[in-house]
Amino acid sequence: MIALLLDEGERQMLLLALAHLANERPGWDDTLNRIALRIDNVGGRRATMYDQFKTLVTGREFPVEVLGAYLFKAEEDPK
């Protein structure tokens, strides 16, 4: 077993990456959910934040307000 120390931003980033992968590979959802349950802050059969990210992720755009502006701060377009 390996233990990782993650801050809240890193934890959310991992859940977002797992959710994105689950949307790309729907057959992997059960396995990815089991991994997400280890780092999500809820008990039960489904990882809540992971499922929320799966619902919110559309295309390649990730909602900044869900993750917090400190994680994804868009750079100004130099145009």
PDB file of N, CA and C in Angstrom:
ATOM      1  N   MET A   1       0.837  -1.176   0.000  1.00  0.00           N
ATOM      2  CA  MET A   1       0.000   0.000   0.000  1.00  0.00           C
ATOM      3  C   MET A   1       0.887   1.246   0.000  1.00  0.00           C
ATOM      4  N   ILE A   2       0.443   2.267  -0.693  1.00  0.00           N
ATOM      5  CA  ILE A   2       1.154   3.539  -0.765  1.00  0.00           C
ATOM      6  C   ILE A   2       0.251   4.618  -0.177  1.00  0.00           C
ATOM      7  N   ALA A   3       0.802   5.468   0.661  1.00  0.00           N
ATOM      8  CA  ALA A   3       0.047   6.584   1.240  1.00  0.00           C
ATOM      9  C   ALA A   3       0.532   7.884   0.605  1.00  0.00           C
ATOM     10  N   LEU A   4      -0.414   8.750   0.267  1.00  0.00           N
ATOM     11  CA  LEU A   4      -0.095  10.055  -0.313  1.00  0.00           C
ATOM     12  C   LEU A   4      -0.679  11.152   0.558  1.00  0.00           C
ATOM     13  N   LEU A   5       0.054  12.231   0.712  1.00  0.00           N
ATOM     14  CA  LEU A   5      -0.478  13.418   1.364  1.00  0.00           C
ATOM     15  C   LEU A   5      -0.851  14.409   0.277  1.00  0.00           C
ATOM     16  N   LEU A   6      -2.133  14.754   0.211  1.00  0.00           N
ATOM     17  CA  LEU A   6      -2.622  15.664  -0.815  1.00  0.00           C
ATOM     18  C   LEU A   6      -3.292  16.857  -0.157  1.00  0.00           C
ATOM     19  N   ASP A   7      -3.065  18.048  -0.715  1.00  0.00           N
ATOM     20  CA  ASP A   7      -3.863  19.170  -0.233  1.00  0.00           C
ATOM     21  C   ASP A   7      -5.205  19.128  -0.969  1.00  0.00           C
ATOM     22  N   GLU A   8      -6.122  19.992  -0.588  1.00  0.00           N
ATOM     23  CA  GLU A   8      -7.475  19.951  -1.150  1.00  0.00           C
ATOM     24  C   GLU A   8      -7.478  20.154  -2.665  1.00  0.00           C
ATOM     25  N   GLY A   9      -6.669  21.054  -3.156  1.00  0.00           N
ATOM     26  CA  GLY A   9      -6.609  21.296  -4.597  1.00  0.00           C
ATOM     27  C   GLY A   9      -6.121  20.079  -5.360  1.00  0.00           C
ATOM     28  N   GLU A  10      -5.116  19.416  -4.842  1.00  0.00           N
ATOM     29  CA  GLU A  10      -4.593  18.209  -5.486  1.00  0.00           C
ATOM     30  C   GLU A  10      -5.616  17.076  -5.456  1.00  0.00           C
ATOM     31  N   ARG A  11      -6.328  16.957  -4.357  1.00  0.00           N
ATOM     32  CA  ARG A  11      -7.366  15.930  -4.235  1.00  0.00           C
ATOM     33  C   ARG A  11      -8.463  16.150  -5.277  1.00  0.00           C
ATOM     34  N   GLN A  12      -8.899  17.404  -5.416  1.00  0.00           N
ATOM     35  CA  GLN A  12      -9.933  17.719  -6.405  1.00  0.00           C
ATOM     36  C   GLN A  12      -9.420  17.493  -7.818  1.00  0.00           C
ATOM     37  N   MET A  13      -8.162  17.830  -8.063  1.00  0.00           N
ATOM     38  CA  MET A  13      -7.581  17.629  -9.389  1.00  0.00           C
ATOM     39  C   MET A  13      -7.569  16.142  -9.743  1.00  0.00           C
ATOM     40  N   LEU A  14      -7.218  15.304  -8.783  1.00  0.00           N
ATOM     41  CA  LEU A  14      -7.226  13.859  -9.015  1.00  0.00           C
ATOM     42  C   LEU A  14      -8.631  13.353  -9.321  1.00  0.00           C
ATOM     43  N   LEU A  15      -9.626  13.807  -8.561  1.00  0.00           N
ATOM     44  CA  LEU A  15     -11.004  13.405  -8.809  1.00  0.00           C
ATOM     45  C   LEU A  15     -11.475  13.879 -10.176  1.00  0.00           C
ATOM     46  N   LEU A  16     -11.077  15.083 -10.560  1.00  0.00           N
ATOM     47  CA  LEU A  16     -11.435  15.606 -11.877  1.00  0.00           C
ATOM     48  C   LEU A  16     -10.814  14.761 -12.990  1.00  0.00           C
ATOM     49  N   ALA A  17      -9.556  14.389 -12.820  1.00  0.00           N
ATOM     50  CA  ALA A  17      -8.881  13.561 -13.820  1.00  0.00           C
ATOM     51  C   ALA A  17      -9.543  12.186 -13.926  1.00  0.00           C
ATOM     52  N   LEU A  18      -9.906  11.598 -12.799  1.00  0.00           N
ATOM     53  CA  LEU A  18     -10.600  10.309 -12.822  1.00  0.00           C
ATOM     54  C   LEU A  18     -11.956  10.428 -13.511  1.00  0.00           C
ATOM     55  N   ALA A  19     -12.680  11.513 -13.227  1.00  0.00           N
ATOM     56  CA  ALA A  19     -13.986  11.733 -13.847  1.00  0.00           C
ATOM     57  C   ALA A  19     -13.847  11.916 -15.356  1.00  0.00           C
ATOM     58  N   HIS A  20     -12.839  12.653 -15.762  1.00  0.00           N
ATOM     59  CA  HIS A  20     -12.609  12.861 -17.192  1.00  0.00           C
ATOM     60  C   HIS A  20     -12.293  11.527 -17.878  1.00  0.00           C
ATOM     61  N   LEU A  21     -11.459  10.720 -17.260  1.00  0.00           N
ATOM     62  CA  LEU A  21     -11.130   9.410 -17.810  1.00  0.00           C
ATOM     63  C   LEU A  21     -12.368   8.523 -17.880  1.00  0.00           C
ATOM     64  N   ALA A  22     -13.220   8.587 -16.862  1.00  0.00           N
ATOM     65  CA  ALA A  22     -14.448   7.786 -16.864  1.00  0.00           C
ATOM     66  C   ALA A  22     -15.369   8.197 -18.005  1.00  0.00           C
ATOM     67  N   ASN A  23     -15.412   9.500 -18.321  1.00  0.00           N
ATOM     68  CA  ASN A  23     -16.228   9.951 -19.445  1.00  0.00           C
ATOM     69  C   ASN A  23     -15.640   9.488 -20.773  1.00  0.00           C
ATOM     70  N   GLU A  24     -14.330   9.415 -20.855  1.00  0.00           N
ATOM     71  CA  GLU A  24     -13.672   8.946 -22.077  1.00  0.00           C
ATOM     72  C   GLU A  24     -13.784   7.426 -22.228  1.00  0.00           C
ATOM     73  N   ARG A  25     -13.786   6.711 -21.111  1.00  0.00           N
ATOM     74  CA  ARG A  25     -13.825   5.240 -21.093  1.00  0.00           C
ATOM     75  C   ARG A  25     -14.930   4.777 -20.141  1.00  0.00           C
ATOM     76  N   PRO A  26     -16.193   4.816 -20.565  1.00  0.00           N
ATOM     77  CA  PRO A  26     -17.312   4.483 -19.679  1.00  0.00           C
ATOM     78  C   PRO A  26     -17.213   3.101 -19.025  1.00  0.00           C
ATOM     79  N   GLY A  27     -16.589   2.149 -19.674  1.00  0.00           N
ATOM     80  CA  GLY A  27     -16.457   0.811 -19.109  1.00  0.00           C
ATOM     81  C   GLY A  27     -15.559   0.756 -17.884  1.00  0.00           C
ATOM     82  N   TRP A  28     -14.807   1.813 -17.633  1.00  0.00           N
ATOM     83  CA  TRP A  28     -13.888   1.845 -16.500  1.00  0.00           C
ATOM     84  C   TRP A  28     -14.510   2.494 -15.262  1.00  0.00           C
ATOM     85  N   ASP A  29     -15.752   2.927 -15.349  1.00  0.00           N
ATOM     86  CA  ASP A  29     -16.365   3.704 -14.272  1.00  0.00           C
ATOM     87  C   ASP A  29     -16.326   2.987 -12.934  1.00  0.00           C
ATOM     88  N   ASP A  30     -16.646   1.716 -12.884  1.00  0.00           N
ATOM     89  CA  ASP A  30     -16.675   1.004 -11.608  1.00  0.00           C
ATOM     90  C   ASP A  30     -15.306   1.026 -10.932  1.00  0.00           C
ATOM     91  N   THR A  31     -14.270   0.722 -11.677  1.00  0.00           N
ATOM     92  CA  THR A  31     -12.913   0.718 -11.120  1.00  0.00           C
ATOM     93  C   THR A  31     -12.474   2.118 -10.714  1.00  0.00           C
ATOM     94  N   LEU A  32     -12.747   3.102 -11.558  1.00  0.00           N
ATOM     95  CA  LEU A  32     -12.367   4.481 -11.238  1.00  0.00           C
ATOM     96  C   LEU A  32     -13.143   5.002 -10.032  1.00  0.00           C
ATOM     97  N   ASN A  33     -14.406   4.616  -9.902  1.00  0.00           N
ATOM     98  CA  ASN A  33     -15.187   5.011  -8.726  1.00  0.00           C
ATOM     99  C   ASN A  33     -14.583   4.421  -7.458  1.00  0.00           C
ATOM    100  N   ARG A  34     -14.124   3.174  -7.511  1.00  0.00           N
ATOM    101  CA  ARG A  34     -13.497   2.573  -6.324  1.00  0.00           C
ATOM    102  C   ARG A  34     -12.238   3.335  -5.919  1.00  0.00           C
ATOM    103  N   ILE A  35     -11.464   3.782  -6.901  1.00  0.00           N
ATOM    104  CA  ILE A  35     -10.284   4.595  -6.596  1.00  0.00           C
ATOM    105  C   ILE A  35     -10.725   5.937  -6.004  1.00  0.00           C
ATOM    106  N   ALA A  36     -11.736   6.554  -6.619  1.00  0.00           N
ATOM    107  CA  ALA A  36     -12.228   7.855  -6.144  1.00  0.00           C
ATOM    108  C   ALA A  36     -12.768   7.760  -4.724  1.00  0.00           C
ATOM    109  N   LEU A  37     -13.386   6.646  -4.369  1.00  0.00           N
ATOM    110  CA  LEU A  37     -13.910   6.487  -3.009  1.00  0.00           C
ATOM    111  C   LEU A  37     -12.812   6.577  -1.957  1.00  0.00           C
ATOM    112  N   ARG A  38     -11.597   6.231  -2.321  1.00  0.00           N
ATOM    113  CA  ARG A  38     -10.487   6.296  -1.364  1.00  0.00           C
ATOM    114  C   ARG A  38     -10.083   7.737  -1.031  1.00  0.00           C
ATOM    115  N   ILE A  39     -10.379   8.676  -1.942  1.00  0.00           N
ATOM    116  CA  ILE A  39      -9.980  10.067  -1.697  1.00  0.00           C
ATOM    117  C   ILE A  39     -11.155  11.024  -1.603  1.00  0.00           C
ATOM    118  N   ASP A  40     -12.376  10.550  -1.886  1.00  0.00           N
ATOM    119  CA  ASP A  40     -13.543  11.419  -1.759  1.00  0.00           C
ATOM    120  C   ASP A  40     -13.969  11.462  -0.295  1.00  0.00           C
ATOM    121  N   ASN A  41     -14.631  12.521   0.081  1.00  0.00           N
ATOM    122  CA  ASN A  41     -14.939  12.741   1.500  1.00  0.00           C
ATOM    123  C   ASN A  41     -16.331  12.244   1.874  1.00  0.00           C
ATOM    124  N   VAL A  42     -16.731  11.121   1.360  1.00  0.00           N
ATOM    125  CA  VAL A  42     -18.061  10.602   1.664  1.00  0.00           C
ATOM    126  C   VAL A  42     -18.013   9.076   1.695  1.00  0.00           C
ATOM    127  N   GLY A  43     -18.874   8.491   2.482  1.00  0.00           N
ATOM    128  CA  GLY A  43     -18.974   7.039   2.510  1.00  0.00           C
ATOM    129  C   GLY A  43     -20.063   6.579   1.553  1.00  0.00           C
ATOM    130  N   GLY A  44     -20.158   5.310   1.366  1.00  0.00           N
ATOM    131  CA  GLY A  44     -21.188   4.776   0.486  1.00  0.00           C
ATOM    132  C   GLY A  44     -20.577   4.081  -0.720  1.00  0.00           C
ATOM    133  N   ARG A  45     -21.430   3.828  -1.688  1.00  0.00           N
ATOM    134  CA  ARG A  45     -20.991   3.079  -2.871  1.00  0.00           C
ATOM    135  C   ARG A  45     -20.476   3.966  -4.000  1.00  0.00           C
ATOM    136  N   ARG A  46     -20.816   5.244  -3.974  1.00  0.00           N
ATOM    137  CA  ARG A  46     -20.388   6.166  -5.028  1.00  0.00           C
ATOM    138  C   ARG A  46     -19.629   7.331  -4.410  1.00  0.00           C
ATOM    139  N   ALA A  47     -18.604   7.796  -5.116  1.00  0.00           N
ATOM    140  CA  ALA A  47     -17.827   8.964  -4.691  1.00  0.00           C
ATOM    141  C   ALA A  47     -18.558  10.213  -5.198  1.00  0.00           C
ATOM    142  N   THR A  48     -19.040  11.018  -4.281  1.00  0.00           N
ATOM    143  CA  THR A  48     -19.911  12.144  -4.629  1.00  0.00           C
ATOM    144  C   THR A  48     -19.238  13.166  -5.540  1.00  0.00           C
ATOM    145  N   MET A  49     -18.075  13.672  -5.148  1.00  0.00           N
ATOM    146  CA  MET A  49     -17.427  14.702  -5.960  1.00  0.00           C
ATOM    147  C   MET A  49     -17.022  14.152  -7.324  1.00  0.00           C
ATOM    148  N   TYR A  50     -16.576  12.919  -7.367  1.00  0.00           N
ATOM    149  CA  TYR A  50     -16.239  12.253  -8.625  1.00  0.00           C
ATOM    150  C   TYR A  50     -17.454  12.237  -9.549  1.00  0.00           C
ATOM    151  N   ASP A  51     -18.621  11.847  -9.024  1.00  0.00           N
ATOM    152  CA  ASP A  51     -19.839  11.821  -9.840  1.00  0.00           C
ATOM    153  C   ASP A  51     -20.247  13.227 -10.273  1.00  0.00           C
ATOM    154  N   GLN A  52     -20.056  14.215  -9.398  1.00  0.00           N
ATOM    155  CA  GLN A  52     -20.381  15.592  -9.773  1.00  0.00           C
ATOM    156  C   GLN A  52     -19.470  16.062 -10.904  1.00  0.00           C
ATOM    157  N   PHE A  53     -18.185  15.745 -10.817  1.00  0.00           N
ATOM    158  CA  PHE A  53     -17.268  16.116 -11.890  1.00  0.00           C
ATOM    159  C   PHE A  53     -17.628  15.408 -13.187  1.00  0.00           C
ATOM    160  N   LYS A  54     -18.038  14.142 -13.108  1.00  0.00           N
ATOM    161  CA  LYS A  54     -18.436  13.420 -14.318  1.00  0.00           C
ATOM    162  C   LYS A  54     -19.604  14.123 -14.996  1.00  0.00           C
ATOM    163  N   THR A  55     -20.519  14.651 -14.197  1.00  0.00           N
ATOM    164  CA  THR A  55     -21.684  15.346 -14.737  1.00  0.00           C
ATOM    165  C   THR A  55     -21.296  16.703 -15.321  1.00  0.00           C
ATOM    166  N   LEU A  56     -20.371  17.390 -14.674  1.00  0.00           N
ATOM    167  CA  LEU A  56     -20.010  18.744 -15.085  1.00  0.00           C
ATOM    168  C   LEU A  56     -19.036  18.807 -16.251  1.00  0.00           C
ATOM    169  N   VAL A  57     -18.207  17.795 -16.402  1.00  0.00           N
ATOM    170  CA  VAL A  57     -17.183  17.837 -17.438  1.00  0.00           C
ATOM    171  C   VAL A  57     -17.850  17.672 -18.799  1.00  0.00           C
ATOM    172  N   THR A  58     -17.688  18.681 -19.637  1.00  0.00           N
ATOM    173  CA  THR A  58     -18.225  18.620 -20.995  1.00  0.00           C
ATOM    174  C   THR A  58     -17.121  19.036 -21.949  1.00  0.00           C
ATOM    175  N   GLY A  59     -16.824  18.206 -22.905  1.00  0.00           N
ATOM    176  CA  GLY A  59     -15.743  18.512 -23.820  1.00  0.00           C
ATOM    177  C   GLY A  59     -14.436  18.622 -23.083  1.00  0.00           C
ATOM    178  N   ARG A  60     -13.700  19.704 -23.295  1.00  0.00           N
ATOM    179  CA  ARG A  60     -12.402  19.919 -22.657  1.00  0.00           C
ATOM    180  C   ARG A  60     -12.433  21.084 -21.686  1.00  0.00           C
ATOM    181  N   GLU A  61     -13.616  21.628 -21.400  1.00  0.00           N
ATOM    182  CA  GLU A  61     -13.709  22.779 -20.503  1.00  0.00           C
ATOM    183  C   GLU A  61     -14.101  22.307 -19.113  1.00  0.00           C
ATOM    184  N   PHE A  62     -13.370  22.751 -18.110  1.00  0.00           N
ATOM    185  CA  PHE A  62     -13.657  22.384 -16.739  1.00  0.00           C
ATOM    186  C   PHE A  62     -14.146  23.620 -15.996  1.00  0.00           C
ATOM    187  N   PRO A  63     -15.196  23.487 -15.214  1.00  0.00           N
ATOM    188  CA  PRO A  63     -15.755  24.658 -14.517  1.00  0.00           C
ATOM    189  C   PRO A  63     -14.827  25.179 -13.424  1.00  0.00           C
ATOM    190  N   VAL A  64     -14.391  26.419 -13.580  1.00  0.00           N
ATOM    191  CA  VAL A  64     -13.462  27.036 -12.628  1.00  0.00           C
ATOM    192  C   VAL A  64     -14.100  27.170 -11.259  1.00  0.00           C
ATOM    193  N   GLU A  65     -15.384  27.525 -11.206  1.00  0.00           N
ATOM    194  CA  GLU A  65     -16.014  27.780  -9.917  1.00  0.00           C
ATOM    195  C   GLU A  65     -16.123  26.522  -9.063  1.00  0.00           C
ATOM    196  N   VAL A  66     -16.098  25.353  -9.658  1.00  0.00           N
ATOM    197  CA  VAL A  66     -16.162  24.109  -8.888  1.00  0.00           C
ATOM    198  C   VAL A  66     -14.823  23.834  -8.222  1.00  0.00           C
ATOM    199  N   LEU A  67     -13.749  24.046  -8.957  1.00  0.00           N
ATOM    200  CA  LEU A  67     -12.427  23.745  -8.425  1.00  0.00           C
ATOM    201  C   LEU A  67     -11.837  24.876  -7.605  1.00  0.00           C
ATOM    202  N   GLY A  68     -12.311  26.058  -7.827  1.00  0.00           N
ATOM    203  CA  GLY A  68     -11.737  27.215  -7.150  1.00  0.00           C
ATOM    204  C   GLY A  68     -10.773  27.916  -8.087  1.00  0.00           C
ATOM    205  N   ALA A  69     -10.845  29.220  -8.107  1.00  0.00           N
ATOM    206  CA  ALA A  69     -10.048  30.006  -9.045  1.00  0.00           C
ATOM    207  C   ALA A  69      -8.550  29.810  -8.837  1.00  0.00           C
ATOM    208  N   TYR A  70      -8.147  29.398  -7.636  1.00  0.00           N
ATOM    209  CA  TYR A  70      -6.723  29.221  -7.375  1.00  0.00           C
ATOM    210  C   TYR A  70      -6.145  28.042  -8.144  1.00  0.00           C
ATOM    211  N   LEU A  71      -6.989  27.125  -8.608  1.00  0.00           N
ATOM    212  CA  LEU A  71      -6.480  25.979  -9.373  1.00  0.00           C
ATOM    213  C   LEU A  71      -6.369  26.280 -10.859  1.00  0.00           C
ATOM    214  N   PHE A  72      -7.417  26.875 -11.407  1.00  0.00           N
ATOM    215  CA  PHE A  72      -7.435  27.165 -12.833  1.00  0.00           C
ATOM    216  C   PHE A  72      -7.714  28.643 -13.028  1.00  0.00           C
ATOM    217  N   LYS A  73      -6.685  29.415 -13.140  1.00  0.00           N
ATOM    218  CA  LYS A  73      -6.862  30.826 -13.398  1.00  0.00           C
ATOM    219  C   LYS A  73      -6.501  31.072 -14.846  1.00  0.00           C
ATOM    220  N   ALA A  74      -7.503  31.408 -15.628  1.00  0.00           N
ATOM    221  CA  ALA A  74      -7.289  31.614 -17.054  1.00  0.00           C
ATOM    222  C   ALA A  74      -6.385  32.821 -17.279  1.00  0.00           C
ATOM    223  N   GLU A  75      -5.441  32.658 -18.171  1.00  0.00           N
ATOM    224  CA  GLU A  75      -4.562  33.770 -18.514  1.00  0.00           C
ATOM    225  C   GLU A  75      -5.290  34.679 -19.488  1.00  0.00           C
ATOM    226  N   GLU A  76      -4.994  35.952 -19.415  1.00  0.00           N
ATOM    227  CA  GLU A  76      -5.610  36.902 -20.328  1.00  0.00           C
ATOM    228  C   GLU A  76      -5.172  36.617 -21.745  1.00  0.00           C
ATOM    229  N   ASP A  77      -6.101  36.724 -22.680  1.00  0.00           N
ATOM    230  CA  ASP A  77      -5.785  36.512 -24.079  1.00  0.00           C
ATOM    231  C   ASP A  77      -5.001  37.723 -24.580  1.00  0.00           C
ATOM    232  N   PRO A  78      -3.813  37.506 -25.158  1.00  0.00           N
ATOM    233  CA  PRO A  78      -2.976  38.632 -25.563  1.00  0.00           C
ATOM    234  C   PRO A  78      -3.469  39.381 -26.799  1.00  0.00           C
ATOM    235  N   LYS A  79      -4.613  39.009 -27.345  1.00  0.00           N
ATOM    236  CA  LYS A  79      -5.145  39.671 -28.561  1.00  0.00           C
ATOM    237  C   LYS A  79      -5.425  41.131 -28.318  1.00  0.00           C
TER     238      LYS A  79
END
